[in-house]
Amino acid sequence: MRTEVVTTLKRQATKLLADLHESKEPILITEHGQPSAYLLDVADYELMLDRMKILEGIAKGEQAIREGRTMDMSQAKDKLSKWLK
């Protein structure tokens, strides 16, 4: 992953964005030698958000199983039939 100081971002934003769109590689922006932000391509960011939503859904399902908040097929059909009328 490429790393740039915030000064480079201030002075060469257009070039950094062009490089980002071409390479699709995130750029780590640092301030005073410390990580400050990531510069990401919009499509890559949106894909990452979609993946996080899927993982959050899986985590909620796993938590429901651990807590015993499950139902069998007939219970699910009964519950869904109320919505499908």
PDB file of N, CA and C in Angstrom:
ATOM      1  N   MET A   1       0.836  -1.171   0.000  1.00  0.00           N
ATOM      2  CA  MET A   1       0.000   0.000   0.000  1.00  0.00           C
ATOM      3  C   MET A   1       0.888   1.243   0.000  1.00  0.00           C
ATOM      4  N   ARG A   2       0.470   2.167  -0.774  1.00  0.00           N
ATOM      5  CA  ARG A   2       1.203   3.422  -0.906  1.00  0.00           C
ATOM      6  C   ARG A   2       0.908   4.324   0.296  1.00  0.00           C
ATOM      7  N   THR A   3       1.921   5.048   0.758  1.00  0.00           N
ATOM      8  CA  THR A   3       1.775   5.995   1.863  1.00  0.00           C
ATOM      9  C   THR A   3       2.233   7.367   1.405  1.00  0.00           C
ATOM     10  N   GLU A   4       1.456   8.376   1.751  1.00  0.00           N
ATOM     11  CA  GLU A   4       1.800   9.763   1.413  1.00  0.00           C
ATOM     12  C   GLU A   4       1.549  10.642   2.634  1.00  0.00           C
ATOM     13  N   VAL A   5       2.325  11.710   2.739  1.00  0.00           N
ATOM     14  CA  VAL A   5       2.103  12.672   3.814  1.00  0.00           C
ATOM     15  C   VAL A   5       0.980  13.616   3.412  1.00  0.00           C
ATOM     16  N   VAL A   6       0.326  14.200   4.395  1.00  0.00           N
ATOM     17  CA  VAL A   6      -0.814  15.065   4.131  1.00  0.00           C
ATOM     18  C   VAL A   6      -0.427  16.256   3.257  1.00  0.00           C
ATOM     19  N   THR A   7       0.815  16.705   3.349  1.00  0.00           N
ATOM     20  CA  THR A   7       1.277  17.818   2.521  1.00  0.00           C
ATOM     21  C   THR A   7       1.210  17.466   1.042  1.00  0.00           C
ATOM     22  N   THR A   8       1.555  16.225   0.710  1.00  0.00           N
ATOM     23  CA  THR A   8       1.476  15.775  -0.679  1.00  0.00           C
ATOM     24  C   THR A   8       0.023  15.797  -1.147  1.00  0.00           C
ATOM     25  N   LEU A   9      -0.893  15.379  -0.284  1.00  0.00           N
ATOM     26  CA  LEU A   9      -2.309  15.421  -0.624  1.00  0.00           C
ATOM     27  C   LEU A   9      -2.748  16.858  -0.891  1.00  0.00           C
ATOM     28  N   LYS A  10      -2.318  17.788  -0.065  1.00  0.00           N
ATOM     29  CA  LYS A  10      -2.690  19.194  -0.243  1.00  0.00           C
ATOM     30  C   LYS A  10      -2.148  19.754  -1.557  1.00  0.00           C
ATOM     31  N   ARG A  11      -0.922  19.400  -1.884  1.00  0.00           N
ATOM     32  CA  ARG A  11      -0.257  19.988  -3.053  1.00  0.00           C
ATOM     33  C   ARG A  11      -0.540  19.258  -4.353  1.00  0.00           C
ATOM     34  N   GLN A  12      -0.798  17.950  -4.277  1.00  0.00           N
ATOM     35  CA  GLN A  12      -0.923  17.150  -5.492  1.00  0.00           C
ATOM     36  C   GLN A  12      -2.187  16.298  -5.490  1.00  0.00           C
ATOM     37  N   ALA A  13      -3.287  16.845  -5.010  1.00  0.00           N
ATOM     38  CA  ALA A  13      -4.523  16.076  -4.893  1.00  0.00           C
ATOM     39  C   ALA A  13      -4.969  15.498  -6.230  1.00  0.00           C
ATOM     40  N   THR A  14      -4.916  16.298  -7.280  1.00  0.00           N
ATOM     41  CA  THR A  14      -5.363  15.834  -8.597  1.00  0.00           C
ATOM     42  C   THR A  14      -4.520  14.658  -9.078  1.00  0.00           C
ATOM     43  N   LYS A  15      -3.210  14.741  -8.904  1.00  0.00           N
ATOM     44  CA  LYS A  15      -2.323  13.649  -9.315  1.00  0.00           C
ATOM     45  C   LYS A  15      -2.582  12.393  -8.472  1.00  0.00           C
ATOM     46  N   LEU A  16      -2.744  12.565  -7.163  1.00  0.00           N
ATOM     47  CA  LEU A  16      -3.010  11.407  -6.312  1.00  0.00           C
ATOM     48  C   LEU A  16      -4.324  10.731  -6.700  1.00  0.00           C
ATOM     49  N   LEU A  17      -5.350  11.514  -6.988  1.00  0.00           N
ATOM     50  CA  LEU A  17      -6.622  10.937  -7.406  1.00  0.00           C
ATOM     51  C   LEU A  17      -6.494  10.203  -8.732  1.00  0.00           C
ATOM     52  N   ALA A  18      -5.740  10.775  -9.665  1.00  0.00           N
ATOM     53  CA  ALA A  18      -5.527  10.106 -10.954  1.00  0.00           C
ATOM     54  C   ALA A  18      -4.803   8.773 -10.748  1.00  0.00           C
ATOM     55  N   ASP A  19      -3.769   8.791  -9.899  1.00  0.00           N
ATOM     56  CA  ASP A  19      -3.036   7.557  -9.592  1.00  0.00           C
ATOM     57  C   ASP A  19      -3.951   6.522  -8.925  1.00  0.00           C
ATOM     58  N   LEU A  20      -4.794   6.998  -8.026  1.00  0.00           N
ATOM     59  CA  LEU A  20      -5.712   6.127  -7.319  1.00  0.00           C
ATOM     60  C   LEU A  20      -6.689   5.460  -8.279  1.00  0.00           C
ATOM     61  N   HIS A  21      -7.260   6.231  -9.193  1.00  0.00           N
ATOM     62  CA  HIS A  21      -8.208   5.672 -10.154  1.00  0.00           C
ATOM     63  C   HIS A  21      -7.534   4.680 -11.100  1.00  0.00           C
ATOM     64  N   GLU A  22      -6.281   4.939 -11.411  1.00  0.00           N
ATOM     65  CA  GLU A  22      -5.553   4.044 -12.322  1.00  0.00           C
ATOM     66  C   GLU A  22      -5.142   2.748 -11.627  1.00  0.00           C
ATOM     67  N   SER A  23      -4.586   2.860 -10.439  1.00  0.00           N
ATOM     68  CA  SER A  23      -4.036   1.679  -9.762  1.00  0.00           C
ATOM     69  C   SER A  23      -5.060   0.955  -8.885  1.00  0.00           C
ATOM     70  N   LYS A  24      -6.105   1.654  -8.443  1.00  0.00           N
ATOM     71  CA  LYS A  24      -7.116   1.101  -7.522  1.00  0.00           C
ATOM     72  C   LYS A  24      -6.515   0.709  -6.177  1.00  0.00           C
ATOM     73  N   GLU A  25      -5.289   1.145  -5.905  1.00  0.00           N
ATOM     74  CA  GLU A  25      -4.618   0.827  -4.649  1.00  0.00           C
ATOM     75  C   GLU A  25      -4.868   1.942  -3.641  1.00  0.00           C
ATOM     76  N   PRO A  26      -5.383   1.610  -2.443  1.00  0.00           N
ATOM     77  CA  PRO A  26      -5.613   2.648  -1.435  1.00  0.00           C
ATOM     78  C   PRO A  26      -4.319   3.375  -1.083  1.00  0.00           C
ATOM     79  N   ILE A  27      -4.462   4.611  -0.653  1.00  0.00           N
ATOM     80  CA  ILE A  27      -3.322   5.424  -0.248  1.00  0.00           C
ATOM     81  C   ILE A  27      -3.508   5.795   1.215  1.00  0.00           C
ATOM     82  N   LEU A  28      -2.519   5.494   2.033  1.00  0.00           N
ATOM     83  CA  LEU A  28      -2.539   5.862   3.444  1.00  0.00           C
ATOM     84  C   LEU A  28      -1.972   7.275   3.572  1.00  0.00           C
ATOM     85  N   ILE A  29      -2.746   8.155   4.185  1.00  0.00           N
ATOM     86  CA  ILE A  29      -2.307   9.536   4.399  1.00  0.00           C
ATOM     87  C   ILE A  29      -1.830   9.659   5.839  1.00  0.00           C
ATOM     88  N   THR A  30      -0.637  10.220   6.025  1.00  0.00           N
ATOM     89  CA  THR A  30      -0.090  10.380   7.366  1.00  0.00           C
ATOM     90  C   THR A  30       0.048  11.851   7.719  1.00  0.00           C
ATOM     91  N   GLU A  31      -0.073  12.129   9.003  1.00  0.00           N
ATOM     92  CA  GLU A  31       0.187  13.462   9.547  1.00  0.00           C
ATOM     93  C   GLU A  31       1.174  13.302  10.690  1.00  0.00           C
ATOM     94  N   HIS A  32       2.244  14.053  10.642  1.00  0.00           N
ATOM     95  CA  HIS A  32       3.276  13.997  11.691  1.00  0.00           C
ATOM     96  C   HIS A  32       3.764  12.570  11.906  1.00  0.00           C
ATOM     97  N   GLY A  33       3.847  11.814  10.812  1.00  0.00           N
ATOM     98  CA  GLY A  33       4.357  10.449  10.871  1.00  0.00           C
ATOM     99  C   GLY A  33       3.365   9.405  11.350  1.00  0.00           C
ATOM    100  N   GLN A  34       2.129   9.817  11.635  1.00  0.00           N
ATOM    101  CA  GLN A  34       1.117   8.901  12.133  1.00  0.00           C
ATOM    102  C   GLN A  34       0.014   8.709  11.097  1.00  0.00           C
ATOM    103  N   PRO A  35      -0.528   7.497  10.976  1.00  0.00           N
ATOM    104  CA  PRO A  35      -1.645   7.277  10.047  1.00  0.00           C
ATOM    105  C   PRO A  35      -2.809   8.203  10.392  1.00  0.00           C
ATOM    106  N   SER A  36      -3.409   8.792   9.367  1.00  0.00           N
ATOM    107  CA  SER A  36      -4.496   9.743   9.587  1.00  0.00           C
ATOM    108  C   SER A  36      -5.762   9.368   8.825  1.00  0.00           C
ATOM    109  N   ALA A  37      -5.602   8.896   7.578  1.00  0.00           N
ATOM    110  CA  ALA A  37      -6.767   8.572   6.758  1.00  0.00           C
ATOM    111  C   ALA A  37      -6.336   7.680   5.606  1.00  0.00           C
ATOM    112  N   TYR A  38      -7.343   7.007   5.023  1.00  0.00           N
ATOM    113  CA  TYR A  38      -7.115   6.238   3.804  1.00  0.00           C
ATOM    114  C   TYR A  38      -7.853   6.924   2.673  1.00  0.00           C
ATOM    115  N   LEU A  39      -7.225   6.988   1.529  1.00  0.00           N
ATOM    116  CA  LEU A  39      -7.846   7.489   0.318  1.00  0.00           C
ATOM    117  C   LEU A  39      -8.172   6.277  -0.534  1.00  0.00           C
ATOM    118  N   LEU A  40      -9.496   6.079  -0.792  1.00  0.00           N
ATOM    119  CA  LEU A  40      -9.958   4.899  -1.518  1.00  0.00           C
ATOM    120  C   LEU A  40     -10.757   5.297  -2.742  1.00  0.00           C
ATOM    121  N   ASP A  41     -10.736   4.440  -3.746  1.00  0.00           N
ATOM    122  CA  ASP A  41     -11.586   4.595  -4.903  1.00  0.00           C
ATOM    123  C   ASP A  41     -13.036   4.392  -4.453  1.00  0.00           C
ATOM    124  N   VAL A  42     -13.963   5.163  -5.008  1.00  0.00           N
ATOM    125  CA  VAL A  42     -15.363   5.100  -4.600  1.00  0.00           C
ATOM    126  C   VAL A  42     -15.937   3.693  -4.771  1.00  0.00           C
ATOM    127  N   ALA A  43     -15.703   3.061  -5.889  1.00  0.00           N
ATOM    128  CA  ALA A  43     -16.246   1.718  -6.130  1.00  0.00           C
ATOM    129  C   ALA A  43     -15.708   0.720  -5.106  1.00  0.00           C
ATOM    130  N   ASP A  44     -14.426   0.822  -4.770  1.00  0.00           N
ATOM    131  CA  ASP A  44     -13.837  -0.078  -3.776  1.00  0.00           C
ATOM    132  C   ASP A  44     -14.443   0.173  -2.396  1.00  0.00           C
ATOM    133  N   TYR A  45     -14.671   1.434  -2.061  1.00  0.00           N
ATOM    134  CA  TYR A  45     -15.279   1.779  -0.771  1.00  0.00           C
ATOM    135  C   TYR A  45     -16.699   1.220  -0.677  1.00  0.00           C
ATOM    136  N   GLU A  46     -17.481   1.394  -1.740  1.00  0.00           N
ATOM    137  CA  GLU A  46     -18.857   0.891  -1.735  1.00  0.00           C
ATOM    138  C   GLU A  46     -18.892  -0.635  -1.654  1.00  0.00           C
ATOM    139  N   LEU A  47     -17.984  -1.314  -2.337  1.00  0.00           N
ATOM    140  CA  LEU A  47     -17.881  -2.769  -2.250  1.00  0.00           C
ATOM    141  C   LEU A  47     -17.546  -3.199  -0.821  1.00  0.00           C
ATOM    142  N   MET A  48     -16.639  -2.465  -0.190  1.00  0.00           N
ATOM    143  CA  MET A  48     -16.255  -2.764   1.183  1.00  0.00           C
ATOM    144  C   MET A  48     -17.460  -2.596   2.119  1.00  0.00           C
ATOM    145  N   LEU A  49     -18.259  -1.544   1.924  1.00  0.00           N
ATOM    146  CA  LEU A  49     -19.456  -1.348   2.744  1.00  0.00           C
ATOM    147  C   LEU A  49     -20.455  -2.487   2.554  1.00  0.00           C
ATOM    148  N   ASP A  50     -20.655  -2.908   1.310  1.00  0.00           N
ATOM    149  CA  ASP A  50     -21.566  -4.024   1.036  1.00  0.00           C
ATOM    150  C   ASP A  50     -21.096  -5.298   1.735  1.00  0.00           C
ATOM    151  N   ARG A  51     -19.813  -5.559   1.689  1.00  0.00           N
ATOM    152  CA  ARG A  51     -19.271  -6.750   2.348  1.00  0.00           C
ATOM    153  C   ARG A  51     -19.447  -6.671   3.864  1.00  0.00           C
ATOM    154  N   MET A  52     -19.259  -5.479   4.415  1.00  0.00           N
ATOM    155  CA  MET A  52     -19.433  -5.305   5.856  1.00  0.00           C
ATOM    156  C   MET A  52     -20.879  -5.557   6.264  1.00  0.00           C
ATOM    157  N   LYS A  53     -21.844  -5.127   5.450  1.00  0.00           N
ATOM    158  CA  LYS A  53     -23.258  -5.375   5.756  1.00  0.00           C
ATOM    159  C   LYS A  53     -23.548  -6.868   5.776  1.00  0.00           C
ATOM    160  N   ILE A  54     -22.991  -7.592   4.823  1.00  0.00           N
ATOM    161  CA  ILE A  54     -23.180  -9.040   4.777  1.00  0.00           C
ATOM    162  C   ILE A  54     -22.579  -9.696   6.021  1.00  0.00           C
ATOM    163  N   LEU A  55     -21.369  -9.294   6.381  1.00  0.00           N
ATOM    164  CA  LEU A  55     -20.719  -9.863   7.565  1.00  0.00           C
ATOM    165  C   LEU A  55     -21.486  -9.528   8.841  1.00  0.00           C
ATOM    166  N   GLU A  56     -22.046  -8.315   8.923  1.00  0.00           N
ATOM    167  CA  GLU A  56     -22.846  -7.946  10.088  1.00  0.00           C
ATOM    168  C   GLU A  56     -24.098  -8.814  10.182  1.00  0.00           C
ATOM    169  N   GLY A  57     -24.722  -9.107   9.047  1.00  0.00           N
ATOM    170  CA  GLY A  57     -25.891  -9.979   9.029  1.00  0.00           C
ATOM    171  C   GLY A  57     -25.546 -11.381   9.497  1.00  0.00           C
ATOM    172  N   ILE A  58     -24.414 -11.883   9.045  1.00  0.00           N
ATOM    173  CA  ILE A  58     -23.967 -13.211   9.483  1.00  0.00           C
ATOM    174  C   ILE A  58     -23.706 -13.207  10.988  1.00  0.00           C
ATOM    175  N   ALA A  59     -23.066 -12.159  11.481  1.00  0.00           N
ATOM    176  CA  ALA A  59     -22.771 -12.070  12.914  1.00  0.00           C
ATOM    177  C   ALA A  59     -24.055 -12.026  13.735  1.00  0.00           C
ATOM    178  N   LYS A  60     -25.071 -11.300  13.251  1.00  0.00           N
ATOM    179  CA  LYS A  60     -26.357 -11.256  13.961  1.00  0.00           C
ATOM    180  C   LYS A  60     -27.012 -12.637  13.982  1.00  0.00           C
ATOM    181  N   GLY A  61     -26.935 -13.346  12.872  1.00  0.00           N
ATOM    182  CA  GLY A  61     -27.488 -14.697  12.818  1.00  0.00           C
ATOM    183  C   GLY A  61     -26.780 -15.643  13.764  1.00  0.00           C
ATOM    184  N   GLU A  62     -25.464 -15.545  13.821  1.00  0.00           N
ATOM    185  CA  GLU A  62     -24.696 -16.396  14.741  1.00  0.00           C
ATOM    186  C   GLU A  62     -25.042 -16.078  16.194  1.00  0.00           C
ATOM    187  N   GLN A  63     -25.226 -14.786  16.492  1.00  0.00           N
ATOM    188  CA  GLN A  63     -25.602 -14.380  17.849  1.00  0.00           C
ATOM    189  C   GLN A  63     -26.982 -14.921  18.205  1.00  0.00           C
ATOM    190  N   ALA A  64     -27.916 -14.863  17.258  1.00  0.00           N
ATOM    191  CA  ALA A  64     -29.262 -15.397  17.493  1.00  0.00           C
ATOM    192  C   ALA A  64     -29.204 -16.898  17.787  1.00  0.00           C
ATOM    193  N   ILE A  65     -28.372 -17.628  17.080  1.00  0.00           N
ATOM    194  CA  ILE A  65     -28.214 -19.067  17.320  1.00  0.00           C
ATOM    195  C   ILE A  65     -27.665 -19.307  18.724  1.00  0.00           C
ATOM    196  N   ARG A  66     -26.635 -18.548  19.110  1.00  0.00           N
ATOM    197  CA  ARG A  66     -26.051 -18.704  20.448  1.00  0.00           C
ATOM    198  C   ARG A  66     -27.080 -18.426  21.544  1.00  0.00           C
ATOM    199  N   GLU A  67     -27.972 -17.461  21.289  1.00  0.00           N
ATOM    200  CA  GLU A  67     -28.967 -17.077  22.291  1.00  0.00           C
ATOM    201  C   GLU A  67     -30.241 -17.922  22.204  1.00  0.00           C
ATOM    202  N   GLY A  68     -30.266 -18.856  21.262  1.00  0.00           N
ATOM    203  CA  GLY A  68     -31.415 -19.731  21.126  1.00  0.00           C
ATOM    204  C   GLY A  68     -32.621 -19.071  20.480  1.00  0.00           C
ATOM    205  N   ARG A  69     -32.408 -17.971  19.803  1.00  0.00           N
ATOM    206  CA  ARG A  69     -33.506 -17.272  19.119  1.00  0.00           C
ATOM    207  C   ARG A  69     -33.653 -17.825  17.704  1.00  0.00           C
ATOM    208  N   THR A  70     -34.085 -19.083  17.636  1.00  0.00           N
ATOM    209  CA  THR A  70     -34.275 -19.740  16.345  1.00  0.00           C
ATOM    210  C   THR A  70     -35.673 -20.343  16.306  1.00  0.00           C
ATOM    211  N   MET A  71     -36.100 -20.771  15.130  1.00  0.00           N
ATOM    212  CA  MET A  71     -37.391 -21.436  14.980  1.00  0.00           C
ATOM    213  C   MET A  71     -37.274 -22.495  13.902  1.00  0.00           C
ATOM    214  N   ASP A  72     -38.185 -23.458  13.977  1.00  0.00           N
ATOM    215  CA  ASP A  72     -38.161 -24.489  12.949  1.00  0.00           C
ATOM    216  C   ASP A  72     -38.941 -24.007  11.722  1.00  0.00           C
ATOM    217  N   MET A  73     -38.956 -24.833  10.694  1.00  0.00           N
ATOM    218  CA  MET A  73     -39.553 -24.442   9.412  1.00  0.00           C
ATOM    219  C   MET A  73     -41.034 -24.103   9.542  1.00  0.00           C
ATOM    220  N   SER A  74     -41.767 -24.896  10.303  1.00  0.00           N
ATOM    221  CA  SER A  74     -43.210 -24.632  10.420  1.00  0.00           C
ATOM    222  C   SER A  74     -43.468 -23.326  11.162  1.00  0.00           C
ATOM    223  N   GLN A  75     -42.674 -23.031  12.173  1.00  0.00           N
ATOM    224  CA  GLN A  75     -42.819 -21.763  12.883  1.00  0.00           C
ATOM    225  C   GLN A  75     -42.501 -20.591  11.952  1.00  0.00           C
ATOM    226  N   ALA A  76     -41.473 -20.743  11.143  1.00  0.00           N
ATOM    227  CA  ALA A  76     -41.099 -19.688  10.202  1.00  0.00           C
ATOM    228  C   ALA A  76     -42.197 -19.460   9.174  1.00  0.00           C
ATOM    229  N   LYS A  77     -42.776 -20.547   8.665  1.00  0.00           N
ATOM    230  CA  LYS A  77     -43.865 -20.421   7.687  1.00  0.00           C
ATOM    231  C   LYS A  77     -45.061 -19.701   8.299  1.00  0.00           C
ATOM    232  N   ASP A  78     -45.411 -20.062   9.536  1.00  0.00           N
ATOM    233  CA  ASP A  78     -46.534 -19.411  10.216  1.00  0.00           C
ATOM    234  C   ASP A  78     -46.269 -17.908  10.370  1.00  0.00           C
ATOM    235  N   LYS A  79     -45.074 -17.583  10.774  1.00  0.00           N
ATOM    236  CA  LYS A  79     -44.712 -16.168  10.992  1.00  0.00           C
ATOM    237  C   LYS A  79     -44.727 -15.396   9.667  1.00  0.00           C
ATOM    238  N   LEU A  80     -44.181 -16.004   8.619  1.00  0.00           N
ATOM    239  CA  LEU A  80     -44.127 -15.337   7.317  1.00  0.00           C
ATOM    240  C   LEU A  80     -45.503 -15.240   6.657  1.00  0.00           C
ATOM    241  N   SER A  81     -46.374 -16.196   6.940  1.00  0.00           N
ATOM    242  CA  SER A  81     -47.697 -16.166   6.293  1.00  0.00           C
ATOM    243  C   SER A  81     -48.485 -14.922   6.697  1.00  0.00           C
ATOM    244  N   LYS A  82     -48.232 -14.415   7.887  1.00  0.00           N
ATOM    245  CA  LYS A  82     -48.889 -13.185   8.324  1.00  0.00           C
ATOM    246  C   LYS A  82     -48.458 -11.986   7.471  1.00  0.00           C
ATOM    247  N   TRP A  83     -47.231 -12.010   7.006  1.00  0.00           N
ATOM    248  CA  TRP A  83     -46.680 -10.914   6.192  1.00  0.00           C
ATOM    249  C   TRP A  83     -47.118 -11.036   4.723  1.00  0.00           C
ATOM    250  N   LEU A  84     -47.383 -12.244   4.293  1.00  0.00           N
ATOM    251  CA  LEU A  84     -47.634 -12.482   2.875  1.00  0.00           C
ATOM    252  C   LEU A  84     -49.102 -12.398   2.512  1.00  0.00           C
ATOM    253  N   LYS A  85     -49.968 -12.045   3.426  1.00  0.00           N
ATOM    254  CA  LYS A  85     -51.406 -11.945   3.132  1.00  0.00           C
ATOM    255  C   LYS A  85     -51.738 -10.657   2.447  1.00  0.00           C
TER     256      LYS A  85
END
